[in-house]
Amino acid sequence: MILAEGLTKQFGAFTAIAGVSFQVGRGEIVGFLGPNGAGKSTTMRVLAGVFPPTAGRALVAGYDVVAQAQQARGVVGYFPERVSLYLDMTVRDYLTYVAEMKGMARAQAGRQLPDLLASCGLAQMQHRIIGTLSKGYRQRVGIAQALVGEPQVLILDEPTSGLDPEQVAEMRALIRRLQGERTVILSTHILSEVEATCDRVIIINKGRVLAVDTPRNLNQRLRRTSEIHLEVIGPAAEVRRRLHAIPGVLRLEPELEPAPEGGVVALTVSTAKECDLRADIAAAVTAAGWGLRELRPLTLSLEDIFLTMVSHSETPAETTTADQRQ
């Protein structure tokens, strides 16, 4: 649905993005992550047809964003980082105006608007002047204008910027409702929202793509070992001795101060990367007659993955995935 191949954009002597390549499949929601100035907004503007790339090509729903610019714009809904709204218009009048600018007949727009207003949580606000709305509702109007015309592809640049936690949760729910119906690429600084909303992530830094993959796969690639969180009710020294005796256990790290004899022992158990020892650990604990309170794998957070990728961005070729190279 979205294909970027070797996209480069220069502004004079400054190269904003260089050789950006990735694919986004139909119905996917993909998070676009990177520090400020990494090239996220530039890439999104190229995909949305705001300006052409200096080199490379981009296809949206099969249309080349330069050679078939009109057709490409017709299948894209774009929410820019700084969305411009007509603050003196009502919500309904503004969305009707946007529909007409997109070539829709007024009658067609009138048929779509009720569902659009409802899906964006704007039905009760449709006759309000946009300038009187809160930041959260203005963001919803921005999303609604991107959805006018039922585009196949949505490009959302920081749709949760400036929202409070409740408004962020509402925006996340709105985006998740689009899953499967639209292809969505979104950028945000709220990494927990990406984890909760997106199928895959694209990580970019200094204008170059560092990784395109699922958080799960990136977690597996970046870890040198597998780690397990374990809580056992038993004698600390004996617990550690028995765990060390399990083949494949590399290291035990206490998570709490040493527990009194027979208290709770909390440990991080490090094992070989592809070695799942949870069944062996559980068997050892129960065989000893101790209480097993918790046993679960530990994973890197998306923030950990992001920071690791960015810190190693001097060698981006090492983190390129097969998905990028297709």
Foldseek 3Di string as FASTA:
>chain_A
DKWWAQFWADDVPRTQAGGATFDFDFLFEEEEDEDPSQNQQVVLCCQLLVDHTPDTWMADPRHTCPVRVLVSNLQFQEQHPDDDFDQQAFLQVRLLVLLVVSPHDSVVQVVPVVVLCVLLVNPVRRGPRNNVDDPLVVLSSSVSSSCRNNHQEYEEEASCPPHDPVSLVSVLVSLQVCRNVHGYYYYHPPQVSCLVRGQWYWYGGNNYTQAIGHLVVLQLVPDQWWKKKWKKQAAQVVLVVLVVPDPFFDDWDWPDDHDDGRGITIIITTGGSPDDCQVVSVVSRVVVVIGTDDIGIDTDRVVRSNVVSRVPVVCSVVRYDPSRVD
